[in-house]
Every structure is written in structure tokens, then in C-alpha cells.
Amino acid sequence: MTLGEALLALADPVRRTIVRELAGEADWSRACGTFELPVTKATRSHHFAVLRDAGVVEQRDVGPRRLNRLRKPEFDIVFPGLLDLVLREGITDEP
């Protein structure tokens, strides 16, 4: 996990939406297809792959579903406060 990868992963507003939604859910409770995003299925898969490759989320397959977990505790050890900024953005910047 590098700072550059983390910043690139969190730079996209769709990926920040995914992160904010996962932060409000229990681990492994959200499948990729349950997020209402303004993108195609292929683009959604790409966004999840970028987040996974950067170490922001962890995924596991359960039957036909791919479940997600925000890796906040692990991420906070390497980049303290970075995810908190992303989560605060959703509270202060959206109408």
C-alpha cells in the first residue's frame, strides 16, 4: 500500500461514495451489486478493483455474491486520518 495508490483510489468521487457507504455498514454485509452508482456494471467492477488493489477494501466471494469490507483499521495504521477526511467530506460537502 503506497500513498500514491491510496490517493489515486480515493480521488474518484464514485470510489469515495463506495468508501462512505461501506463505513456505515457492518463488515461483509454489502455486495458490489447493492451500491446504487451512476456507472455501468463493468465500471463498477473497475472501481472496486482499484479500491481493492490500493488496500482500501477487502473482498470475498460468498456464493454468487462478492462481499466487501472497508479496511479502515489497517488503512489508519498506514495513513492515519486519511479515511476520516473522506468520511467527513460526505457529511460537510453534500447538500
C-alpha atoms as a PDB file:
ATOM      1  CA  MET A   1       0.000   0.000   0.000  1.00  0.00           C
ATOM      2  CA  THR A   2       1.570   3.284  -1.105  1.00  0.00           C
ATOM      3  CA  LEU A   3       0.397   6.838  -0.563  1.00  0.00           C
ATOM      4  CA  GLY A   4       0.178   7.380  -4.328  1.00  0.00           C
ATOM      5  CA  GLU A   5      -2.085   4.345  -4.772  1.00  0.00           C
ATOM      6  CA  ALA A   6      -4.243   5.423  -1.855  1.00  0.00           C
ATOM      7  CA  LEU A   7      -4.630   8.963  -3.148  1.00  0.00           C
ATOM      8  CA  LEU A   8      -5.433   7.783  -6.676  1.00  0.00           C
ATOM      9  CA  ALA A   9      -8.007   5.325  -5.338  1.00  0.00           C
ATOM     10  CA  LEU A  10      -9.681   7.986  -3.204  1.00  0.00           C
ATOM     11  CA  ALA A  11      -9.520  10.728  -5.849  1.00  0.00           C
ATOM     12  CA  ASP A  12     -12.571   9.483  -7.731  1.00  0.00           C
ATOM     13  CA  PRO A  13     -15.979  10.602  -6.386  1.00  0.00           C
ATOM     14  CA  VAL A  14     -17.612   7.240  -7.186  1.00  0.00           C
ATOM     15  CA  ARG A  15     -14.963   5.419  -5.160  1.00  0.00           C
ATOM     16  CA  ARG A  16     -15.358   7.881  -2.293  1.00  0.00           C
ATOM     17  CA  THR A  17     -19.097   7.142  -2.346  1.00  0.00           C
ATOM     18  CA  ILE A  18     -18.341   3.427  -2.052  1.00  0.00           C
ATOM     19  CA  VAL A  19     -15.992   4.087   0.874  1.00  0.00           C
ATOM     20  CA  ARG A  20     -18.538   6.259   2.695  1.00  0.00           C
ATOM     21  CA  GLU A  21     -21.292   3.672   2.229  1.00  0.00           C
ATOM     22  CA  LEU A  22     -19.080   0.838   3.447  1.00  0.00           C
ATOM     23  CA  ALA A  23     -18.091   2.870   6.508  1.00  0.00           C
ATOM     24  CA  GLY A  24     -21.721   2.889   7.606  1.00  0.00           C
ATOM     25  CA  GLU A  25     -22.201  -0.876   7.228  1.00  0.00           C
ATOM     26  CA  ALA A  26     -21.091  -3.966   9.087  1.00  0.00           C
ATOM     27  CA  ASP A  27     -18.137  -5.846   7.612  1.00  0.00           C
ATOM     28  CA  TRP A  28     -19.071  -8.257   4.830  1.00  0.00           C
ATOM     29  CA  SER A  29     -22.677  -7.048   4.678  1.00  0.00           C
ATOM     30  CA  ARG A  30     -22.609  -5.321   1.275  1.00  0.00           C
ATOM     31  CA  ALA A  31     -22.253  -6.999  -2.094  1.00  0.00           C
ATOM     32  CA  CYS A  32     -20.910  -4.981  -5.013  1.00  0.00           C
ATOM     33  CA  GLY A  33     -24.254  -5.051  -6.783  1.00  0.00           C
ATOM     34  CA  THR A  34     -26.071  -3.393  -3.877  1.00  0.00           C
ATOM     35  CA  PHE A  35     -24.460   0.011  -4.415  1.00  0.00           C
ATOM     36  CA  GLU A  36     -26.501   2.468  -6.450  1.00  0.00           C
ATOM     37  CA  LEU A  37     -23.822   4.088  -8.568  1.00  0.00           C
ATOM     38  CA  PRO A  38     -24.181   6.155 -11.760  1.00  0.00           C
ATOM     39  CA  VAL A  39     -21.932   3.786 -13.720  1.00  0.00           C
ATOM     40  CA  THR A  40     -22.148   0.574 -15.735  1.00  0.00           C
ATOM     41  CA  LYS A  41     -21.545  -2.838 -14.159  1.00  0.00           C
ATOM     42  CA  ALA A  42     -18.097  -3.037 -15.785  1.00  0.00           C
ATOM     43  CA  THR A  43     -17.132   0.403 -14.483  1.00  0.00           C
ATOM     44  CA  ARG A  44     -18.423  -0.525 -11.018  1.00  0.00           C
ATOM     45  CA  SER A  45     -16.155  -3.611 -11.089  1.00  0.00           C
ATOM     46  CA  HIS A  46     -13.225  -1.398 -12.089  1.00  0.00           C
ATOM     47  CA  HIS A  47     -13.855   0.977  -9.167  1.00  0.00           C
ATOM     48  CA  PHE A  48     -13.951  -1.905  -6.696  1.00  0.00           C
ATOM     49  CA  ALA A  49     -10.744  -3.342  -8.190  1.00  0.00           C
ATOM     50  CA  VAL A  50      -8.949  -0.002  -7.767  1.00  0.00           C
ATOM     51  CA  LEU A  51     -10.062   0.223  -4.127  1.00  0.00           C
ATOM     52  CA  ARG A  52      -9.053  -3.404  -3.509  1.00  0.00           C
ATOM     53  CA  ASP A  53      -5.651  -3.012  -5.174  1.00  0.00           C
ATOM     54  CA  ALA A  54      -4.941   0.109  -3.118  1.00  0.00           C
ATOM     55  CA  GLY A  55      -5.789  -1.754   0.094  1.00  0.00           C
ATOM     56  CA  VAL A  56      -8.853   0.330   0.905  1.00  0.00           C
ATOM     57  CA  VAL A  57     -11.328  -2.556   0.713  1.00  0.00           C
ATOM     58  CA  GLU A  58     -11.141  -6.299   1.079  1.00  0.00           C
ATOM     59  CA  GLN A  59     -13.453  -8.599  -0.861  1.00  0.00           C
ATOM     60  CA  ARG A  60     -14.542 -12.196  -0.524  1.00  0.00           C
ATOM     61  CA  ASP A  61     -16.842 -14.326  -2.604  1.00  0.00           C
ATOM     62  CA  VAL A  62     -19.809 -15.926  -0.879  1.00  0.00           C
ATOM     63  CA  GLY A  63     -21.744 -17.980  -3.379  1.00  0.00           C
ATOM     64  CA  PRO A  64     -22.586 -15.724  -6.318  1.00  0.00           C
ATOM     65  CA  ARG A  65     -22.008 -12.528  -4.307  1.00  0.00           C
ATOM     66  CA  ARG A  66     -18.806 -10.584  -3.760  1.00  0.00           C
ATOM     67  CA  LEU A  67     -18.928  -9.046  -0.289  1.00  0.00           C
ATOM     68  CA  ASN A  68     -16.884  -6.062   0.826  1.00  0.00           C
ATOM     69  CA  ARG A  69     -15.204  -4.786   3.948  1.00  0.00           C
ATOM     70  CA  LEU A  70     -13.657  -1.359   4.427  1.00  0.00           C
ATOM     71  CA  ARG A  71     -10.134  -1.914   5.738  1.00  0.00           C
ATOM     72  CA  LYS A  72     -10.257   1.200   7.904  1.00  0.00           C
ATOM     73  CA  PRO A  73      -8.300  -0.142  10.906  1.00  0.00           C
ATOM     74  CA  GLU A  74      -5.462  -1.376   8.695  1.00  0.00           C
ATOM     75  CA  PHE A  75      -5.567   1.708   6.485  1.00  0.00           C
ATOM     76  CA  ASP A  76      -5.497   4.042   9.511  1.00  0.00           C
ATOM     77  CA  ILE A  77      -2.274   2.435  10.732  1.00  0.00           C
ATOM     78  CA  VAL A  78      -0.505   3.278   7.473  1.00  0.00           C
ATOM     79  CA  PHE A  79      -2.280   6.575   6.665  1.00  0.00           C
ATOM     80  CA  PRO A  80      -3.741   7.971   9.903  1.00  0.00           C
ATOM     81  CA  GLY A  81      -6.694  10.267   9.331  1.00  0.00           C
ATOM     82  CA  LEU A  82      -6.896   9.901   5.540  1.00  0.00           C
ATOM     83  CA  LEU A  83     -10.119   7.884   5.503  1.00  0.00           C
ATOM     84  CA  ASP A  84     -11.561  10.164   8.191  1.00  0.00           C
ATOM     85  CA  LEU A  85     -11.156  13.077   5.758  1.00  0.00           C
ATOM     86  CA  VAL A  86     -13.019  11.118   3.078  1.00  0.00           C
ATOM     87  CA  LEU A  87     -15.795  10.235   5.514  1.00  0.00           C
ATOM     88  CA  ARG A  88     -16.122  13.830   6.731  1.00  0.00           C
ATOM     89  CA  GLU A  89     -16.350  15.041   3.141  1.00  0.00           C
ATOM     90  CA  GLY A  90     -19.628  13.175   2.786  1.00  0.00           C
ATOM     91  CA  ILE A  91     -21.061  14.957   5.810  1.00  0.00           C
ATOM     92  CA  THR A  92     -19.876  18.504   5.150  1.00  0.00           C
ATOM     93  CA  ASP A  93     -19.825  18.821   1.359  1.00  0.00           C
ATOM     94  CA  GLU A  94     -23.059  17.230   0.225  1.00  0.00           C
ATOM     95  CA  PRO A  95     -26.356  19.119   0.347  1.00  0.00           C
END
